[in-house]
Amino acid sequence: MSPTFMQRSKRAFGRAHNRPTLLGRVTSWSIRMMGKLLNLLCLLLGLTVAIQLENNQLQFISIGNLAYISLVPFGLFCLRAIALLYDFTRYFRESRPVGRSDATVVKSVFESTKRYCEKYGILNSGSGSAIEIFAHPFLDRDLSDNGWNTGDVVIELEKEFFTSQGIVEKNKVVPGANNDKYFLRSFRHLFADDSEKLRLTLGRTDWVNLVNVKDKLMADEPLRHKIVKSDFKTKNAVPSSFCLHFVCLTKDNEFLALKRNNSTEYHPNAMSVSFEEQVARVDVERGSDFRAENWFQRAICEEVFPLTGFFEKNPAAAWDAVSQYVEFKRIWTGILEEDVGNFSLFGVMKINLSAAELVVKSRALEDEHKTKRDDEGRLYVFRKDDVLDYLQTGRARCRQLYWPEKFEDVTLMHPTSLYRAEWVMACLQA
């Protein structure tokens, strides 16, 4: 959904007012200082009048001179208006929507994803296995202000528990702890009643039911395409695991990546740009209400920084330890992972550290808190040129984060990595 003229104007004016250029900041400061000076001059004028009543020879400032001085703030106000108009025009132009495919030369879409799009008449044919189901209207060159603030993504949890019944004849035994899992049931129409919040409703399931449904759907494409609907005309009732797929940029716009272990349940040995994190009970139970802020904070602490154990013990303290290094974190879109029948959010974050500085800081945090990252794989770094190579050729070269002299050629990517890389590179190049 593209933003309207009024939506772009409202956003541009807000940004011009809150984030002025140097001229705007200087004129605003000058106006405030001139206001204080005029207050002082008015006091002097009052004092002059009082003294003149007793001694006609004393006079500090005349009313005529005060009128001339008043022309100075008037000129500053005019200059401020010009600066505001300039900033408004600049931000309005920058709010031109960016197309995700603007950075892509070679399209790579799963064949099953193509068939799903053809079946349901979806014009956006997807990227990899990702099919976009909703997007924030403002996705442009200003990454720090794109999408929803994580505090504006409000999540409601339904009490009903969903199982694999009706999809799987009999659940197989699944190793590991049978933890609670949550899946997307519905989302509120975007920008309804001028509300800029994204409201999501989640259903409850568990790991055993989730894995059995996933395995069944992955093996049965006709069933997957029959019961997993991306239009949400009715509430989704297919158990899955609502996930956050996010790109993490360093301060010099390099992309962090994770090469997944061969033992992971989803997409073993694939390279992710950058991370994925499922909703967990700790996210739901933390605080009086559930927002994507809780979830994203944990993802950053456990995936980007090595604070998994520390976060489990004290989430607030863990976030306080790393929040100073996070420049922004935003939610951009929602997607269907067609190959597994799973719905996810896509977000972008940026740290104010280089790749080398991240290594130093991570090691210091490990030593201080005696903790580590999630043991899901090894961290890598892509330069922007590496990501462009991937978008244009389907191949890329990256280096290990902790051993930067070691490079690796990559061809097996997580099925939604192309989609994520497309969006971020399109905005960076706009």
Protein backbone atom coordinates (compact mmCIF):
# COMPACT_ATOMS: atom_id res chain seq x y z
CA MET A 1 0.00 0.00 0.00
CA SER A 2 1.62 3.25 -1.14
CA PRO A 3 1.28 6.30 1.12
CA THR A 4 -1.11 9.06 0.11
CA PHE A 5 -0.06 12.65 -0.55
CA MET A 6 -1.44 13.71 2.85
CA GLN A 7 0.38 10.89 4.65
CA ARG A 8 3.67 11.83 2.99
CA SER A 9 3.09 15.52 3.81
CA LYS A 10 2.27 14.78 7.46
CA ARG A 11 5.37 12.63 7.83
CA ALA A 12 7.62 15.16 6.06
CA PHE A 13 6.39 18.03 8.25
CA GLY A 14 6.92 16.00 11.42
CA ARG A 15 10.46 15.11 10.39
CA ALA A 16 11.23 18.70 9.34
CA HIS A 17 10.08 19.91 12.77
CA ASN A 18 11.81 17.20 14.82
CA ARG A 19 14.94 16.72 12.69
CA PRO A 20 15.83 20.12 11.20
CA THR A 21 18.97 20.81 9.18
CA LEU A 22 21.75 23.08 10.44
CA LEU A 23 19.95 26.22 9.20
CA GLY A 24 16.76 25.17 10.96
CA ARG A 25 18.59 24.47 14.22
CA VAL A 26 20.47 27.79 14.09
CA THR A 27 17.33 29.84 13.39
CA SER A 28 15.39 28.02 16.14
CA TRP A 29 18.15 28.74 18.63
CA SER A 30 18.41 32.36 17.47
CA ILE A 31 14.66 32.87 17.87
CA ARG A 32 14.77 31.52 21.42
CA MET A 33 17.72 33.76 22.30
CA MET A 34 16.05 36.79 20.68
CA GLY A 35 12.90 36.12 22.68
CA LYS A 36 14.92 36.23 25.90
CA LEU A 37 16.64 39.44 24.74
CA LEU A 38 13.29 41.09 23.97
CA ASN A 39 12.03 40.16 27.42
CA LEU A 40 15.09 41.88 28.88
CA LEU A 41 14.58 44.95 26.68
CA CYS A 42 10.95 45.17 27.74
CA LEU A 43 12.06 45.16 31.37
CA LEU A 44 14.54 47.93 30.58
CA LEU A 45 11.82 49.89 28.81
CA GLY A 46 9.56 49.56 31.83
CA LEU A 47 12.39 50.68 34.07
CA THR A 48 13.05 53.65 31.72
CA VAL A 49 9.44 54.78 31.92
CA ALA A 50 9.45 54.51 35.69
CA ILE A 51 12.63 56.56 36.00
CA GLN A 52 11.42 59.17 33.52
CA LEU A 53 8.44 59.84 35.78
CA GLU A 54 10.85 61.15 38.43
CA ASN A 55 13.81 62.27 36.34
CA ASN A 56 13.23 63.22 32.74
CA GLN A 57 16.96 63.16 31.98
CA LEU A 58 17.43 59.36 32.36
CA GLN A 59 16.55 57.10 29.41
CA PHE A 60 17.92 53.61 28.61
CA ILE A 61 15.98 52.81 25.43
CA SER A 62 13.23 54.44 23.45
CA ILE A 63 10.03 52.85 22.20
CA GLY A 64 11.13 53.66 18.66
CA ASN A 65 14.41 51.78 19.07
CA LEU A 66 12.52 48.82 20.53
CA ALA A 67 10.32 48.74 17.42
CA TYR A 68 13.41 48.60 15.22
CA ILE A 69 14.88 45.81 17.32
CA SER A 70 11.61 43.87 16.96
CA LEU A 71 12.27 43.60 13.25
CA VAL A 72 15.17 41.25 14.01
CA PRO A 73 13.04 38.37 15.41
CA PHE A 74 10.55 38.96 12.59
CA GLY A 75 13.37 38.39 10.12
CA LEU A 76 14.47 35.31 12.05
CA PHE A 77 10.91 33.95 11.96
CA CYS A 78 10.87 34.41 8.18
CA LEU A 79 14.23 32.67 7.89
CA ARG A 80 12.96 29.85 10.11
CA ALA A 81 9.89 29.46 7.89
CA ILE A 82 12.13 29.21 4.82
CA ALA A 83 14.32 26.61 6.57
CA LEU A 84 11.22 24.62 7.58
CA LEU A 85 9.90 24.73 4.02
CA TYR A 86 13.27 23.56 2.71
CA ASP A 87 13.41 20.66 5.18
CA PHE A 88 9.78 19.76 4.42
CA THR A 89 10.50 19.65 0.69
CA ARG A 90 13.62 17.53 1.21
CA TYR A 91 11.89 15.03 3.50
CA PHE A 92 8.86 14.87 1.22
CA ARG A 93 11.08 13.92 -1.71
CA GLU A 94 12.88 11.34 0.43
CA SER A 95 9.55 9.75 1.35
CA ARG A 96 9.09 8.50 -2.20
CA PRO A 97 8.34 4.77 -1.76
CA VAL A 98 11.16 2.43 -2.72
CA GLY A 99 10.44 -0.75 -4.66
CA ARG A 100 11.93 -3.89 -3.16
CA SER A 101 13.12 -5.15 -6.55
CA ASP A 102 14.95 -1.89 -7.30
CA ALA A 103 18.20 -3.53 -6.15
CA THR A 104 17.68 -6.91 -7.80
CA VAL A 105 18.81 -7.96 -11.25
CA VAL A 106 18.25 -11.71 -11.06
CA LYS A 107 14.99 -12.88 -9.48
CA SER A 108 15.11 -16.12 -7.54
CA VAL A 109 11.71 -17.43 -6.53
CA PHE A 110 10.97 -20.94 -5.34
CA GLU A 111 8.88 -22.86 -7.86
CA SER A 112 6.33 -23.75 -5.19
CA THR A 113 6.13 -20.07 -4.24
CA LYS A 114 5.42 -19.18 -7.87
CA ARG A 115 2.63 -21.75 -7.96
CA TYR A 116 1.14 -20.38 -4.73
CA CYS A 117 1.15 -16.83 -6.14
CA GLU A 118 -0.42 -18.02 -9.40
CA LYS A 119 -3.12 -19.96 -7.54
CA TYR A 120 -4.20 -16.97 -5.45
CA GLY A 121 -3.52 -14.25 -8.04
CA ILE A 122 -0.77 -12.57 -6.05
CA LEU A 123 0.94 -10.02 -8.28
CA ASN A 124 3.98 -9.82 -6.02
CA SER A 125 5.61 -13.13 -6.97
CA GLY A 126 7.80 -13.16 -3.89
CA SER A 127 11.53 -13.61 -3.37
CA GLY A 128 12.94 -16.98 -2.42
CA SER A 129 10.09 -18.41 -0.35
CA ALA A 130 8.91 -15.04 1.05
CA ILE A 131 5.53 -13.61 0.05
CA GLU A 132 4.80 -10.16 1.45
CA ILE A 133 1.42 -10.02 3.19
CA PHE A 134 1.65 -6.44 4.50
CA ALA A 135 4.18 -3.60 4.56
CA HIS A 136 4.50 -0.24 6.23
CA PRO A 137 3.62 2.53 3.74
CA PHE A 138 6.87 4.37 4.42
CA LEU A 139 9.86 2.36 3.30
CA ASP A 140 12.34 4.79 1.79
CA ARG A 141 15.97 5.88 1.98
CA ASP A 142 15.82 6.80 5.69
CA LEU A 143 16.24 3.37 7.26
CA SER A 144 16.20 4.73 10.81
CA ASP A 145 12.63 5.97 10.39
CA ASN A 146 11.24 3.23 8.14
CA GLY A 147 8.42 0.99 9.29
CA TRP A 148 6.94 0.70 12.77
CA ASN A 149 8.69 1.50 16.00
CA THR A 150 8.83 -1.80 17.90
CA GLY A 151 6.82 -0.21 20.71
CA ASP A 152 3.99 0.44 18.23
CA VAL A 153 3.61 -3.24 17.31
CA VAL A 154 1.00 -4.40 19.82
CA ILE A 155 0.45 -8.14 20.19
CA GLU A 156 -2.62 -9.82 21.67
CA LEU A 157 -2.47 -13.45 22.75
CA GLU A 158 -5.57 -15.66 22.49
CA LYS A 159 -6.21 -18.30 25.15
CA GLU A 160 -7.27 -21.08 22.78
CA PHE A 161 -4.69 -23.85 22.22
CA PHE A 162 -4.27 -25.27 18.69
CA THR A 163 -3.04 -28.76 17.83
CA SER A 164 -2.15 -30.66 14.67
CA GLN A 165 -5.53 -32.41 14.66
CA GLY A 166 -7.09 -32.38 11.22
CA ILE A 167 -3.72 -31.88 9.55
CA VAL A 168 -1.64 -34.79 10.88
CA GLU A 169 -3.12 -38.22 11.57
CA LYS A 170 -0.84 -38.92 14.52
CA ASN A 171 1.92 -36.88 16.04
CA LYS A 172 5.37 -38.39 15.93
CA VAL A 173 7.79 -38.10 18.83
CA VAL A 174 9.86 -34.90 18.68
CA PRO A 175 13.12 -34.67 20.64
CA GLY A 176 13.75 -31.73 22.93
CA ALA A 177 11.64 -29.74 25.38
CA ASN A 178 8.01 -29.26 24.40
CA ASN A 179 7.99 -25.47 24.84
CA ASP A 180 5.07 -23.15 24.16
CA LYS A 181 4.92 -21.69 20.66
CA TYR A 182 2.83 -18.93 19.13
CA PHE A 183 1.56 -18.33 15.59
CA LEU A 184 -0.10 -15.49 13.71
CA ARG A 185 -3.89 -15.62 13.75
CA SER A 186 -4.70 -12.19 12.33
CA PHE A 187 -3.48 -8.62 11.95
CA ARG A 188 -5.36 -5.35 12.03
CA HIS A 189 -5.88 -3.35 8.82
CA LEU A 190 -3.00 -0.91 8.53
CA PHE A 191 -3.48 2.74 9.39
CA ALA A 192 -7.15 2.23 10.19
CA ASP A 193 -8.67 5.35 11.79
CA ASP A 194 -5.31 7.12 11.34
CA SER A 195 -3.70 4.79 13.88
CA GLU A 196 -0.10 4.00 13.04
CA LYS A 197 0.10 1.00 15.35
CA LEU A 198 0.34 -2.53 13.99
CA ARG A 199 -1.91 -4.88 15.95
CA LEU A 200 -1.30 -8.62 15.76
CA THR A 201 -3.22 -11.53 17.28
CA LEU A 202 -1.39 -14.76 18.10
CA GLY A 203 -2.65 -18.27 18.81
CA ARG A 204 -1.03 -20.82 21.13
CA THR A 205 0.49 -24.19 20.28
CA ASP A 206 3.59 -26.15 21.33
CA TRP A 207 6.80 -27.52 19.83
CA VAL A 208 5.50 -31.06 19.19
CA ASN A 209 2.38 -29.93 17.33
CA LEU A 210 4.38 -27.29 15.47
CA VAL A 211 7.05 -29.68 14.17
CA ASN A 212 4.50 -32.30 13.12
CA VAL A 213 2.48 -29.73 11.18
CA LYS A 214 5.62 -28.23 9.61
CA ASP A 215 6.93 -31.59 8.42
CA LYS A 216 3.53 -32.51 6.98
CA LEU A 217 3.15 -29.21 5.12
CA MET A 218 6.69 -29.25 3.75
CA ALA A 219 6.08 -32.71 2.29
CA ASP A 220 2.59 -31.96 0.93
CA GLU A 221 2.49 -28.87 -1.29
CA PRO A 222 -1.19 -29.20 -2.34
CA LEU A 223 -2.26 -29.37 1.32
CA ARG A 224 0.01 -26.46 2.23
CA HIS A 225 -1.44 -24.30 -0.52
CA LYS A 226 -4.96 -25.29 0.44
CA ILE A 227 -4.95 -24.50 4.15
CA VAL A 228 -2.33 -21.73 4.50
CA LYS A 229 -3.99 -18.51 3.29
CA SER A 230 -2.11 -15.22 3.04
CA ASP A 231 -5.18 -13.00 2.63
CA PHE A 232 -6.40 -13.48 6.24
CA LYS A 233 -10.06 -13.19 5.26
CA THR A 234 -10.59 -15.56 8.17
CA LYS A 235 -8.32 -16.15 11.14
CA ASN A 236 -5.40 -18.50 10.50
CA ALA A 237 -5.75 -21.80 12.41
CA VAL A 238 -2.66 -23.65 11.14
CA PRO A 239 -0.08 -24.03 13.95
CA SER A 240 3.35 -22.63 13.13
CA SER A 241 5.92 -20.48 14.91
CA PHE A 242 5.67 -16.71 14.55
CA CYS A 243 9.19 -15.52 13.85
CA LEU A 244 11.16 -12.30 13.56
CA HIS A 245 13.47 -12.21 10.53
CA PHE A 246 15.79 -9.23 10.77
CA VAL A 247 18.80 -7.66 9.12
CA CYS A 248 21.51 -6.23 11.37
CA LEU A 249 23.72 -3.50 9.90
CA THR A 250 26.99 -2.28 11.38
CA LYS A 251 27.77 1.43 11.58
CA ASP A 252 29.45 1.28 8.13
CA ASN A 253 26.47 -0.57 6.61
CA GLU A 254 27.99 -4.02 6.52
CA PHE A 255 25.52 -6.90 6.92
CA LEU A 256 25.88 -9.41 9.73
CA ALA A 257 25.03 -13.00 8.77
CA LEU A 258 24.64 -16.34 10.46
CA LYS A 259 25.59 -19.68 8.95
CA ARG A 260 23.20 -22.09 10.62
CA ASN A 261 24.36 -25.33 12.18
CA ASN A 262 23.46 -28.60 10.46
CA SER A 263 21.37 -29.57 13.50
CA THR A 264 18.89 -26.69 13.37
CA GLU A 265 15.24 -27.58 12.76
CA TYR A 266 14.78 -24.94 10.06
CA HIS A 267 17.12 -24.69 7.04
CA PRO A 268 20.32 -26.33 8.37
CA ASN A 269 23.65 -25.14 6.89
CA ALA A 270 21.96 -22.14 5.21
CA MET A 271 23.36 -18.61 5.48
CA SER A 272 20.93 -16.10 6.99
CA VAL A 273 21.05 -12.34 6.45
CA SER A 274 21.02 -11.75 9.36
CA PHE A 275 18.99 -13.60 12.05
CA GLU A 276 15.67 -15.23 12.96
CA GLU A 277 14.09 -15.43 16.41
CA GLN A 278 10.80 -17.12 17.34
CA VAL A 279 8.41 -15.65 19.88
CA ALA A 280 8.99 -17.24 23.29
CA ARG A 281 7.09 -17.34 26.56
CA VAL A 282 9.55 -14.89 28.16
CA ASP A 283 8.51 -12.29 25.57
CA VAL A 284 4.83 -12.79 26.32
CA GLU A 285 5.21 -12.73 30.10
CA ARG A 286 7.60 -9.77 30.30
CA GLY A 287 5.80 -6.58 31.32
CA SER A 288 2.12 -5.67 31.56
CA ASP A 289 1.54 -5.77 27.80
CA PHE A 290 3.16 -7.63 24.93
CA ARG A 291 4.81 -5.63 22.19
CA ALA A 292 7.46 -6.42 19.59
CA GLU A 293 9.86 -4.35 21.70
CA ASN A 294 10.22 -7.22 24.21
CA TRP A 295 10.83 -9.72 21.45
CA PHE A 296 13.33 -7.61 19.48
CA GLN A 297 15.32 -6.79 22.62
CA ARG A 298 15.78 -10.49 23.39
CA ALA A 299 16.71 -11.24 19.77
CA ILE A 300 19.44 -8.59 19.87
CA CYS A 301 20.80 -9.78 23.22
CA GLU A 302 20.92 -13.43 22.14
CA GLU A 303 21.73 -13.23 18.42
CA VAL A 304 23.84 -10.09 17.95
CA PHE A 305 25.41 -9.98 21.41
CA PRO A 306 26.46 -12.94 23.60
CA LEU A 307 23.95 -12.47 26.43
CA THR A 308 21.74 -15.57 26.20
CA GLY A 309 22.29 -16.79 29.76
CA PHE A 310 22.28 -13.29 31.25
CA PHE A 311 19.02 -12.38 29.48
CA GLU A 312 17.27 -15.47 30.85
CA LYS A 313 18.15 -14.36 34.39
CA ASN A 314 17.60 -10.61 34.08
CA PRO A 315 16.12 -9.33 30.78
CA ALA A 316 16.12 -5.66 31.81
CA ALA A 317 19.75 -5.68 32.90
CA ALA A 318 20.83 -7.56 29.77
CA TRP A 319 19.14 -4.98 27.55
CA ASP A 320 20.66 -2.11 29.54
CA ALA A 321 24.10 -3.63 28.89
CA VAL A 322 23.76 -3.40 25.08
CA SER A 323 21.06 -0.80 24.33
CA GLN A 324 23.68 1.96 24.04
CA TYR A 325 25.08 0.18 20.96
CA VAL A 326 21.73 -0.06 19.14
CA GLU A 327 21.09 2.89 16.83
CA PHE A 328 17.59 1.80 15.79
CA LYS A 329 15.33 -1.24 15.42
CA ARG A 330 12.19 -1.19 13.29
CA ILE A 331 9.54 -3.54 11.88
CA TRP A 332 9.07 -3.16 8.12
CA THR A 333 6.78 -5.90 6.78
CA GLY A 334 5.01 -9.19 7.39
CA ILE A 335 5.67 -12.25 5.22
CA LEU A 336 4.52 -15.78 4.53
CA GLU A 337 7.34 -18.33 4.35
CA GLU A 338 5.61 -20.37 1.69
CA ASP A 339 7.90 -23.41 1.84
CA VAL A 340 7.06 -24.12 5.50
CA GLY A 341 3.65 -22.43 5.82
CA ASN A 342 4.92 -20.01 8.45
CA PHE A 343 4.16 -16.32 9.02
CA SER A 344 6.86 -13.92 10.20
CA LEU A 345 7.76 -10.28 10.70
CA PHE A 346 10.66 -8.63 8.89
CA GLY A 347 12.67 -5.96 10.68
CA VAL A 348 15.88 -3.98 10.37
CA MET A 349 18.28 -2.79 13.05
CA LYS A 350 21.61 -0.99 13.12
CA ILE A 351 24.40 -0.93 15.69
CA ASN A 352 26.83 1.96 16.18
CA LEU A 353 29.79 -0.44 16.09
CA SER A 354 31.94 -1.68 13.23
CA ALA A 355 32.38 -5.44 12.77
CA ALA A 356 35.77 -5.30 14.52
CA GLU A 357 34.37 -3.22 17.39
CA LEU A 358 31.49 -5.69 17.77
CA VAL A 359 34.00 -8.51 18.28
CA VAL A 360 35.83 -6.55 20.99
CA LYS A 361 32.61 -5.58 22.75
CA SER A 362 31.18 -9.12 22.52
CA ARG A 363 34.28 -10.65 24.09
CA ALA A 364 34.16 -8.09 26.88
CA LEU A 365 30.49 -8.92 27.56
CA GLU A 366 31.30 -12.65 27.59
CA ASP A 367 34.00 -12.10 30.18
CA GLU A 368 31.89 -9.76 32.29
CA HIS A 369 28.68 -11.81 32.40
CA LYS A 370 30.05 -15.34 31.83
CA THR A 371 27.56 -15.93 29.04
CA LYS A 372 27.43 -16.55 25.27
CA ARG A 373 25.39 -16.19 22.07
CA ASP A 374 22.68 -18.61 20.99
CA ASP A 375 24.47 -21.72 19.73
CA GLU A 376 22.81 -21.76 16.30
CA GLY A 377 25.76 -21.19 14.01
CA ARG A 378 28.77 -19.07 13.11
CA LEU A 379 28.73 -15.31 12.45
CA TYR A 380 29.84 -13.78 9.14
CA VAL A 381 29.99 -10.31 7.57
CA PHE A 382 28.89 -9.20 4.09
CA ARG A 383 30.02 -5.91 2.60
CA LYS A 384 27.41 -4.01 0.58
CA ASP A 385 29.16 -5.08 -2.62
CA ASP A 386 28.94 -8.71 -1.48
CA VAL A 387 25.18 -8.36 -1.01
CA LEU A 388 24.84 -6.76 -4.45
CA ASP A 389 26.75 -9.71 -5.94
CA TYR A 390 24.26 -12.04 -4.30
CA LEU A 391 21.27 -10.06 -5.61
CA GLN A 392 22.72 -9.98 -9.12
CA THR A 393 24.27 -13.43 -9.47
CA GLY A 394 22.88 -15.62 -6.69
CA ARG A 395 26.41 -16.08 -5.31
CA ALA A 396 28.36 -14.10 -2.73
CA ARG A 397 31.58 -14.04 -0.76
CA CYS A 398 31.73 -13.18 2.93
CA ARG A 399 34.22 -13.23 5.80
CA GLN A 400 33.96 -14.67 9.28
CA LEU A 401 33.25 -12.11 11.98
CA TYR A 402 35.71 -13.46 14.54
CA TRP A 403 38.32 -14.54 11.97
CA PRO A 404 38.16 -11.81 9.29
CA GLU A 405 41.03 -13.32 7.31
CA LYS A 406 38.84 -16.37 6.55
CA PHE A 407 36.50 -15.98 3.56
CA GLU A 408 33.77 -18.26 2.28
CA ASP A 409 31.81 -18.49 -0.97
CA VAL A 410 28.09 -18.75 -0.32
CA THR A 411 25.36 -20.23 -2.50
CA LEU A 412 22.96 -21.80 0.04
CA MET A 413 20.98 -18.98 1.62
CA HIS A 414 18.06 -19.02 4.03
CA PRO A 415 14.91 -18.90 1.84
CA THR A 416 13.95 -15.37 2.99
CA SER A 417 17.45 -13.86 2.85
CA LEU A 418 16.97 -12.64 -0.72
CA TYR A 419 13.79 -10.82 0.29
CA ARG A 420 15.49 -9.15 3.25
CA ALA A 421 18.58 -8.18 1.27
CA GLU A 422 16.43 -6.77 -1.55
CA TRP A 423 14.56 -4.42 0.77
CA VAL A 424 17.58 -3.10 2.65
CA MET A 425 19.76 -2.61 -0.43
CA ALA A 426 16.93 -0.88 -2.30
CA CYS A 427 16.60 1.64 0.54
CA LEU A 428 20.36 2.09 0.94
CA GLN A 429 20.71 2.82 -2.78
CA ALA A 430 17.64 5.07 -3.12
